[in-house]
Amino acid sequence: MDNYRSLGYMMTKVHRYSNMYFTEAMKDLDLHGPGQIRIVMTLGKHDEGLTQEKLAKILMVDKGSISRMIKPMISNKVIRRETDPDDRRAYIIKLTEKVQLMMPEIRLRAREWTSVLTKGLNSDEIDMLFSLLERVETNALQHLKAENNE
């Protein structure tokens, strides 16, 4: 039996389970799929809104993908798009008032999932888990940046 353990594989499984949870947990709030939920969670941290370009960068998707992702969200009145007063060629994306009012509930459901994932861990272990995952993320990002600059 091989003792090899893959961190990427474990993280992928947790990511898939999280997507499944959030897709179901947010359905009644008219948020559909992990992409829309990620957009709402990101915009929920930026009351002033974000340009489409900045949103794409934060979510690590290309500008075309973000454009396709937000189109149904605008139609469903989840987000709104305004012309950027500083650059008339750009758009600022903001949550609608309806969704801003739902943010406490959305955050509550996200915290509930974190509680499920950290069940059986004490507060020191939870702090250590987040600290280690932040270091793993930094390592991955630094590696990819260095690889792209070669």
N, C-alpha and C. Protein backbone atom coordinates (compact mmCIF):
# COMPACT_ATOMS: atom_id res chain seq x y z
N MET A 1 0.84 -1.18 0.00
CA MET A 1 0.00 0.00 0.00
C MET A 1 0.88 1.24 0.00
N ASP A 2 0.55 2.18 -0.84
CA ASP A 2 1.30 3.42 -0.98
C ASP A 2 0.89 4.40 0.11
N ASN A 3 1.87 5.00 0.80
CA ASN A 3 1.59 5.96 1.86
C ASN A 3 1.55 7.40 1.36
N TYR A 4 1.61 7.60 0.06
CA TYR A 4 1.61 8.95 -0.51
C TYR A 4 0.28 9.63 -0.24
N ARG A 5 0.34 10.85 0.27
CA ARG A 5 -0.86 11.65 0.50
C ARG A 5 -0.74 12.93 -0.32
N SER A 6 -1.81 13.29 -0.97
CA SER A 6 -1.81 14.48 -1.81
C SER A 6 -2.64 15.58 -1.16
N LEU A 7 -1.98 16.67 -0.82
CA LEU A 7 -2.67 17.82 -0.25
C LEU A 7 -3.65 18.40 -1.27
N GLY A 8 -3.22 18.50 -2.51
CA GLY A 8 -4.09 19.03 -3.56
C GLY A 8 -5.36 18.22 -3.71
N TYR A 9 -5.24 16.90 -3.65
CA TYR A 9 -6.41 16.04 -3.78
C TYR A 9 -7.38 16.27 -2.63
N MET A 10 -6.85 16.36 -1.39
CA MET A 10 -7.71 16.59 -0.23
C MET A 10 -8.40 17.95 -0.32
N MET A 11 -7.66 18.96 -0.74
CA MET A 11 -8.23 20.30 -0.86
C MET A 11 -9.29 20.34 -1.95
N THR A 12 -9.06 19.62 -3.02
CA THR A 12 -10.04 19.54 -4.11
C THR A 12 -11.33 18.90 -3.61
N LYS A 13 -11.21 17.83 -2.82
CA LYS A 13 -12.41 17.18 -2.29
C LYS A 13 -13.20 18.12 -1.38
N VAL A 14 -12.50 18.83 -0.50
CA VAL A 14 -13.19 19.77 0.40
C VAL A 14 -13.83 20.88 -0.42
N HIS A 15 -13.14 21.35 -1.45
CA HIS A 15 -13.68 22.39 -2.32
C HIS A 15 -14.97 21.91 -3.00
N ARG A 16 -14.97 20.69 -3.51
CA ARG A 16 -16.17 20.15 -4.16
C ARG A 16 -17.32 20.00 -3.16
N TYR A 17 -17.02 19.51 -1.97
CA TYR A 17 -18.06 19.39 -0.94
C TYR A 17 -18.61 20.77 -0.57
N SER A 18 -17.73 21.75 -0.50
CA SER A 18 -18.15 23.12 -0.18
C SER A 18 -19.06 23.66 -1.28
N ASN A 19 -18.69 23.42 -2.53
CA ASN A 19 -19.55 23.86 -3.64
C ASN A 19 -20.92 23.22 -3.55
N MET A 20 -20.96 21.93 -3.22
CA MET A 20 -22.24 21.22 -3.09
C MET A 20 -23.07 21.83 -1.95
N TYR A 21 -22.43 22.09 -0.83
CA TYR A 21 -23.13 22.67 0.31
C TYR A 21 -23.69 24.04 -0.05
N PHE A 22 -22.84 24.93 -0.58
CA PHE A 22 -23.27 26.29 -0.86
C PHE A 22 -24.33 26.35 -1.95
N THR A 23 -24.23 25.49 -2.94
CA THR A 23 -25.25 25.47 -3.99
C THR A 23 -26.61 25.17 -3.39
N GLU A 24 -26.67 24.21 -2.48
CA GLU A 24 -27.94 23.86 -1.84
C GLU A 24 -28.35 24.91 -0.80
N ALA A 25 -27.38 25.36 0.00
CA ALA A 25 -27.70 26.27 1.10
C ALA A 25 -28.13 27.65 0.64
N MET A 26 -27.74 28.04 -0.56
CA MET A 26 -28.07 29.39 -1.04
C MET A 26 -29.19 29.41 -2.08
N LYS A 27 -29.70 28.23 -2.41
CA LYS A 27 -30.73 28.13 -3.45
C LYS A 27 -31.95 29.00 -3.14
N ASP A 28 -32.41 28.99 -1.89
CA ASP A 28 -33.59 29.78 -1.54
C ASP A 28 -33.33 31.28 -1.57
N LEU A 29 -32.06 31.67 -1.64
CA LEU A 29 -31.70 33.09 -1.72
C LEU A 29 -31.51 33.53 -3.17
N ASP A 30 -31.85 32.65 -4.10
CA ASP A 30 -31.75 32.94 -5.53
C ASP A 30 -30.31 33.11 -6.00
N LEU A 31 -29.39 32.40 -5.32
CA LEU A 31 -27.99 32.35 -5.76
C LEU A 31 -27.75 30.96 -6.31
N HIS A 32 -27.27 30.90 -7.53
CA HIS A 32 -27.16 29.62 -8.21
C HIS A 32 -25.72 29.32 -8.59
N GLY A 33 -25.20 28.30 -7.99
CA GLY A 33 -23.88 27.82 -8.35
C GLY A 33 -22.76 28.52 -7.61
N PRO A 34 -21.63 27.83 -7.54
CA PRO A 34 -20.49 28.35 -6.78
C PRO A 34 -19.95 29.67 -7.32
N GLY A 35 -20.01 29.88 -8.62
CA GLY A 35 -19.50 31.12 -9.21
C GLY A 35 -20.26 32.33 -8.71
N GLN A 36 -21.57 32.26 -8.71
CA GLN A 36 -22.39 33.38 -8.24
C GLN A 36 -22.17 33.61 -6.75
N ILE A 37 -22.04 32.55 -6.00
CA ILE A 37 -21.84 32.69 -4.56
C ILE A 37 -20.49 33.35 -4.28
N ARG A 38 -19.46 32.95 -5.01
CA ARG A 38 -18.13 33.58 -4.84
C ARG A 38 -18.19 35.07 -5.17
N ILE A 39 -18.92 35.43 -6.21
CA ILE A 39 -19.05 36.84 -6.59
C ILE A 39 -19.74 37.61 -5.48
N VAL A 40 -20.85 37.09 -4.97
CA VAL A 40 -21.59 37.77 -3.91
C VAL A 40 -20.74 37.89 -2.64
N MET A 41 -20.04 36.83 -2.26
CA MET A 41 -19.20 36.88 -1.06
C MET A 41 -18.08 37.90 -1.22
N THR A 42 -17.51 37.98 -2.42
CA THR A 42 -16.44 38.95 -2.67
C THR A 42 -16.98 40.37 -2.65
N LEU A 43 -18.07 40.61 -3.35
CA LEU A 43 -18.66 41.95 -3.37
C LEU A 43 -19.17 42.36 -1.99
N GLY A 44 -19.57 41.39 -1.17
CA GLY A 44 -20.03 41.67 0.18
C GLY A 44 -18.95 42.29 1.05
N LYS A 45 -17.69 42.15 0.66
CA LYS A 45 -16.56 42.74 1.39
C LYS A 45 -16.19 44.12 0.83
N HIS A 46 -16.85 44.53 -0.25
CA HIS A 46 -16.51 45.78 -0.93
C HIS A 46 -17.77 46.59 -1.21
N ASP A 47 -18.23 47.33 -0.21
CA ASP A 47 -19.47 48.12 -0.36
C ASP A 47 -19.40 49.10 -1.52
N GLU A 48 -18.21 49.60 -1.80
CA GLU A 48 -18.05 50.57 -2.87
C GLU A 48 -18.09 49.91 -4.25
N GLY A 49 -18.12 48.59 -4.27
CA GLY A 49 -18.13 47.85 -5.53
C GLY A 49 -16.73 47.62 -6.05
N LEU A 50 -16.66 46.87 -7.12
CA LEU A 50 -15.38 46.56 -7.76
C LEU A 50 -15.55 46.67 -9.26
N THR A 51 -14.50 47.04 -9.95
CA THR A 51 -14.57 47.01 -11.40
C THR A 51 -14.62 45.54 -11.82
N GLN A 52 -15.14 45.31 -13.01
CA GLN A 52 -15.17 43.93 -13.52
C GLN A 52 -13.76 43.36 -13.56
N GLU A 53 -12.81 44.19 -13.95
CA GLU A 53 -11.42 43.73 -14.05
C GLU A 53 -10.87 43.33 -12.68
N LYS A 54 -11.11 44.14 -11.66
CA LYS A 54 -10.64 43.83 -10.31
C LYS A 54 -11.34 42.58 -9.78
N LEU A 55 -12.64 42.46 -10.02
CA LEU A 55 -13.38 41.28 -9.58
C LEU A 55 -12.82 40.03 -10.24
N ALA A 56 -12.55 40.11 -11.53
CA ALA A 56 -11.97 38.96 -12.25
C ALA A 56 -10.62 38.58 -11.66
N LYS A 57 -9.82 39.59 -11.33
CA LYS A 57 -8.49 39.32 -10.77
C LYS A 57 -8.59 38.64 -9.40
N ILE A 58 -9.48 39.16 -8.55
CA ILE A 58 -9.66 38.57 -7.21
C ILE A 58 -10.11 37.12 -7.33
N LEU A 59 -11.05 36.86 -8.24
CA LEU A 59 -11.59 35.50 -8.39
C LEU A 59 -10.72 34.61 -9.27
N MET A 60 -9.66 35.19 -9.84
CA MET A 60 -8.72 34.46 -10.69
C MET A 60 -9.39 33.84 -11.90
N VAL A 61 -10.22 34.66 -12.57
CA VAL A 61 -10.84 34.25 -13.83
C VAL A 61 -10.57 35.36 -14.85
N ASP A 62 -10.71 35.04 -16.13
CA ASP A 62 -10.46 36.07 -17.14
C ASP A 62 -11.67 37.00 -17.26
N LYS A 63 -11.44 38.13 -17.92
CA LYS A 63 -12.49 39.16 -18.03
C LYS A 63 -13.72 38.64 -18.77
N GLY A 64 -13.52 37.81 -19.78
CA GLY A 64 -14.64 37.24 -20.52
C GLY A 64 -15.51 36.35 -19.63
N SER A 65 -14.86 35.56 -18.79
CA SER A 65 -15.60 34.68 -17.88
C SER A 65 -16.41 35.49 -16.87
N ILE A 66 -15.82 36.54 -16.33
CA ILE A 66 -16.55 37.33 -15.34
C ILE A 66 -17.74 38.00 -16.00
N SER A 67 -17.58 38.41 -17.23
CA SER A 67 -18.68 39.03 -17.97
C SER A 67 -19.84 38.05 -18.13
N ARG A 68 -19.52 36.81 -18.50
CA ARG A 68 -20.56 35.78 -18.65
C ARG A 68 -21.19 35.41 -17.31
N MET A 69 -20.39 35.43 -16.24
CA MET A 69 -20.89 35.06 -14.92
C MET A 69 -21.86 36.11 -14.37
N ILE A 70 -21.60 37.39 -14.65
CA ILE A 70 -22.43 38.42 -14.04
C ILE A 70 -23.70 38.71 -14.82
N LYS A 71 -23.72 38.34 -16.10
CA LYS A 71 -24.89 38.66 -16.93
C LYS A 71 -26.21 38.15 -16.31
N PRO A 72 -26.32 36.86 -15.94
CA PRO A 72 -27.58 36.41 -15.33
C PRO A 72 -27.82 37.01 -13.95
N MET A 73 -26.75 37.38 -13.26
CA MET A 73 -26.90 37.98 -11.93
C MET A 73 -27.48 39.39 -12.04
N ILE A 74 -27.17 40.08 -13.12
CA ILE A 74 -27.76 41.39 -13.36
C ILE A 74 -29.23 41.22 -13.69
N SER A 75 -29.54 40.26 -14.55
CA SER A 75 -30.94 39.99 -14.92
C SER A 75 -31.78 39.60 -13.71
N ASN A 76 -31.18 38.84 -12.79
CA ASN A 76 -31.90 38.40 -11.59
C ASN A 76 -31.85 39.41 -10.45
N LYS A 77 -31.28 40.58 -10.74
CA LYS A 77 -31.21 41.66 -9.76
C LYS A 77 -30.44 41.28 -8.49
N VAL A 78 -29.39 40.49 -8.69
CA VAL A 78 -28.49 40.14 -7.60
C VAL A 78 -27.39 41.21 -7.49
N ILE A 79 -26.91 41.64 -8.66
CA ILE A 79 -25.90 42.69 -8.71
C ILE A 79 -26.35 43.76 -9.71
N ARG A 80 -25.69 44.90 -9.63
CA ARG A 80 -25.94 45.94 -10.62
C ARG A 80 -24.60 46.41 -11.17
N ARG A 81 -24.64 46.91 -12.38
CA ARG A 81 -23.44 47.36 -13.05
C ARG A 81 -23.60 48.84 -13.37
N GLU A 82 -22.63 49.63 -12.94
CA GLU A 82 -22.66 51.07 -13.17
C GLU A 82 -21.39 51.47 -13.92
N THR A 83 -21.49 52.52 -14.71
CA THR A 83 -20.31 53.04 -15.37
C THR A 83 -19.38 53.63 -14.31
N ASP A 84 -18.10 53.32 -14.42
CA ASP A 84 -17.09 53.83 -13.50
C ASP A 84 -16.89 55.33 -13.77
N PRO A 85 -17.15 56.18 -12.79
CA PRO A 85 -17.01 57.62 -13.02
C PRO A 85 -15.56 58.03 -13.34
N ASP A 86 -14.59 57.23 -12.90
CA ASP A 86 -13.18 57.54 -13.17
C ASP A 86 -12.70 57.04 -14.52
N ASP A 87 -13.44 56.08 -15.10
CA ASP A 87 -13.06 55.51 -16.40
C ASP A 87 -14.35 55.08 -17.09
N ARG A 88 -14.85 55.91 -17.97
CA ARG A 88 -16.14 55.68 -18.62
C ARG A 88 -16.18 54.37 -19.43
N ARG A 89 -15.03 53.75 -19.68
CA ARG A 89 -15.00 52.49 -20.43
C ARG A 89 -15.16 51.28 -19.51
N ALA A 90 -15.06 51.51 -18.20
CA ALA A 90 -15.12 50.41 -17.22
C ALA A 90 -16.45 50.44 -16.47
N TYR A 91 -16.75 49.32 -15.85
CA TYR A 91 -17.96 49.20 -15.04
C TYR A 91 -17.61 48.86 -13.61
N ILE A 92 -18.41 49.39 -12.70
CA ILE A 92 -18.34 49.03 -11.28
C ILE A 92 -19.48 48.05 -11.01
N ILE A 93 -19.16 46.95 -10.36
CA ILE A 93 -20.15 45.93 -10.01
C ILE A 93 -20.43 46.05 -8.52
N LYS A 94 -21.72 46.13 -8.17
CA LYS A 94 -22.14 46.24 -6.77
C LYS A 94 -23.30 45.29 -6.52
N LEU A 95 -23.45 44.91 -5.26
CA LEU A 95 -24.62 44.13 -4.86
C LEU A 95 -25.84 45.03 -4.89
N THR A 96 -26.98 44.47 -5.24
CA THR A 96 -28.23 45.22 -5.14
C THR A 96 -28.58 45.35 -3.66
N GLU A 97 -29.48 46.27 -3.38
CA GLU A 97 -29.91 46.48 -1.99
C GLU A 97 -30.52 45.20 -1.43
N LYS A 98 -31.29 44.49 -2.26
CA LYS A 98 -31.92 43.24 -1.85
C LYS A 98 -30.88 42.25 -1.33
N VAL A 99 -29.78 42.12 -2.05
CA VAL A 99 -28.74 41.16 -1.66
C VAL A 99 -27.93 41.70 -0.49
N GLN A 100 -27.70 43.01 -0.45
CA GLN A 100 -26.99 43.59 0.71
C GLN A 100 -27.74 43.27 1.99
N LEU A 101 -29.06 43.31 1.93
CA LEU A 101 -29.87 43.00 3.11
C LEU A 101 -29.78 41.51 3.48
N MET A 102 -29.46 40.67 2.51
CA MET A 102 -29.33 39.22 2.75
C MET A 102 -27.94 38.83 3.24
N MET A 103 -26.96 39.74 3.18
CA MET A 103 -25.59 39.39 3.53
C MET A 103 -25.43 38.80 4.94
N PRO A 104 -26.14 39.31 5.96
CA PRO A 104 -26.00 38.66 7.27
C PRO A 104 -26.39 37.17 7.22
N GLU A 105 -27.45 36.84 6.50
CA GLU A 105 -27.87 35.44 6.37
C GLU A 105 -26.86 34.64 5.56
N ILE A 106 -26.34 35.22 4.51
CA ILE A 106 -25.34 34.54 3.69
C ILE A 106 -24.09 34.25 4.52
N ARG A 107 -23.65 35.24 5.28
CA ARG A 107 -22.47 35.05 6.13
C ARG A 107 -22.72 34.01 7.22
N LEU A 108 -23.95 34.00 7.76
CA LEU A 108 -24.30 33.00 8.77
C LEU A 108 -24.18 31.59 8.19
N ARG A 109 -24.68 31.40 6.99
CA ARG A 109 -24.61 30.08 6.36
C ARG A 109 -23.16 29.69 6.06
N ALA A 110 -22.34 30.67 5.72
CA ALA A 110 -20.92 30.38 5.49
C ALA A 110 -20.24 29.98 6.81
N ARG A 111 -20.58 30.68 7.89
CA ARG A 111 -20.02 30.32 9.19
C ARG A 111 -20.48 28.93 9.63
N GLU A 112 -21.72 28.59 9.32
CA GLU A 112 -22.23 27.25 9.66
C GLU A 112 -21.40 26.18 8.97
N TRP A 113 -21.04 26.42 7.70
CA TRP A 113 -20.23 25.44 6.97
C TRP A 113 -18.83 25.35 7.58
N THR A 114 -18.28 26.48 7.98
CA THR A 114 -16.98 26.46 8.65
C THR A 114 -17.08 25.65 9.93
N SER A 115 -18.17 25.77 10.65
CA SER A 115 -18.37 24.98 11.87
C SER A 115 -18.44 23.49 11.57
N VAL A 116 -19.11 23.14 10.47
CA VAL A 116 -19.17 21.73 10.06
C VAL A 116 -17.75 21.22 9.76
N LEU A 117 -16.99 22.01 9.00
CA LEU A 117 -15.65 21.57 8.61
C LEU A 117 -14.68 21.47 9.78
N THR A 118 -14.89 22.29 10.81
CA THR A 118 -13.95 22.30 11.93
C THR A 118 -14.50 21.57 13.16
N LYS A 119 -15.56 20.81 12.96
CA LYS A 119 -16.16 20.05 14.07
C LYS A 119 -15.08 19.16 14.70
N GLY A 120 -15.03 19.18 16.03
CA GLY A 120 -14.07 18.36 16.76
C GLY A 120 -12.72 19.01 16.95
N LEU A 121 -12.52 20.19 16.37
CA LEU A 121 -11.26 20.92 16.55
C LEU A 121 -11.46 21.99 17.63
N ASN A 122 -10.45 22.16 18.48
CA ASN A 122 -10.56 23.24 19.46
C ASN A 122 -10.10 24.55 18.82
N SER A 123 -10.25 25.66 19.52
CA SER A 123 -9.97 26.97 18.92
C SER A 123 -8.50 27.11 18.52
N ASP A 124 -7.58 26.52 19.28
CA ASP A 124 -6.16 26.57 18.90
C ASP A 124 -5.92 25.80 17.61
N GLU A 125 -6.56 24.65 17.48
CA GLU A 125 -6.42 23.86 16.26
C GLU A 125 -7.01 24.58 15.04
N ILE A 126 -8.14 25.26 15.26
CA ILE A 126 -8.76 26.02 14.17
C ILE A 126 -7.85 27.15 13.74
N ASP A 127 -7.28 27.88 14.72
CA ASP A 127 -6.34 28.95 14.39
C ASP A 127 -5.13 28.40 13.63
N MET A 128 -4.63 27.27 14.08
CA MET A 128 -3.47 26.65 13.43
C MET A 128 -3.84 26.21 12.01
N LEU A 129 -5.02 25.65 11.83
CA LEU A 129 -5.47 25.22 10.51
C LEU A 129 -5.50 26.40 9.55
N PHE A 130 -6.11 27.51 9.97
CA PHE A 130 -6.16 28.69 9.10
C PHE A 130 -4.76 29.23 8.82
N SER A 131 -3.92 29.25 9.83
CA SER A 131 -2.55 29.74 9.65
C SER A 131 -1.79 28.87 8.64
N LEU A 132 -1.92 27.57 8.78
CA LEU A 132 -1.25 26.66 7.85
C LEU A 132 -1.79 26.78 6.44
N LEU A 133 -3.10 26.88 6.30
CA LEU A 133 -3.69 27.03 4.96
C LEU A 133 -3.29 28.35 4.31
N GLU A 134 -3.16 29.40 5.11
CA GLU A 134 -2.68 30.67 4.57
C GLU A 134 -1.25 30.54 4.06
N ARG A 135 -0.41 29.81 4.80
CA ARG A 135 0.97 29.58 4.35
C ARG A 135 1.00 28.73 3.09
N VAL A 136 0.15 27.72 3.02
CA VAL A 136 0.07 26.88 1.82
C VAL A 136 -0.35 27.73 0.62
N GLU A 137 -1.35 28.59 0.82
CA GLU A 137 -1.80 29.47 -0.26
C GLU A 137 -0.67 30.39 -0.72
N THR A 138 0.05 30.98 0.23
CA THR A 138 1.17 31.87 -0.11
C THR A 138 2.23 31.11 -0.89
N ASN A 139 2.56 29.90 -0.46
CA ASN A 139 3.55 29.08 -1.16
C ASN A 139 3.11 28.81 -2.60
N ALA A 140 1.85 28.46 -2.77
CA ALA A 140 1.35 28.17 -4.12
C ALA A 140 1.42 29.40 -5.00
N LEU A 141 0.98 30.53 -4.48
CA LEU A 141 0.99 31.76 -5.26
C LEU A 141 2.41 32.19 -5.62
N GLN A 142 3.32 32.14 -4.65
CA GLN A 142 4.71 32.51 -4.92
C GLN A 142 5.32 31.60 -5.98
N HIS A 143 5.03 30.32 -5.90
CA HIS A 143 5.56 29.37 -6.88
C HIS A 143 5.04 29.69 -8.28
N LEU A 144 3.74 29.93 -8.39
CA LEU A 144 3.16 30.22 -9.70
C LEU A 144 3.70 31.53 -10.27
N LYS A 145 3.86 32.55 -9.42
CA LYS A 145 4.41 33.83 -9.89
C LYS A 145 5.84 33.64 -10.36
N ALA A 146 6.64 32.90 -9.59
CA ALA A 146 8.04 32.66 -9.98
C ALA A 146 8.11 31.87 -11.27
N GLU A 147 7.23 30.89 -11.41
CA GLU A 147 7.20 30.05 -12.61
C GLU A 147 6.84 30.86 -13.84
N ASN A 148 5.92 31.81 -13.69
CA ASN A 148 5.49 32.66 -14.80
C ASN A 148 6.53 33.70 -15.19
N ASN A 149 7.44 34.04 -14.26
CA ASN A 149 8.46 35.03 -14.55
C ASN A 149 9.72 34.42 -15.16
N GLU A 150 9.81 33.10 -15.19
CA GLU A 150 11.00 32.44 -15.75
C GLU A 150 11.00 32.49 -17.24
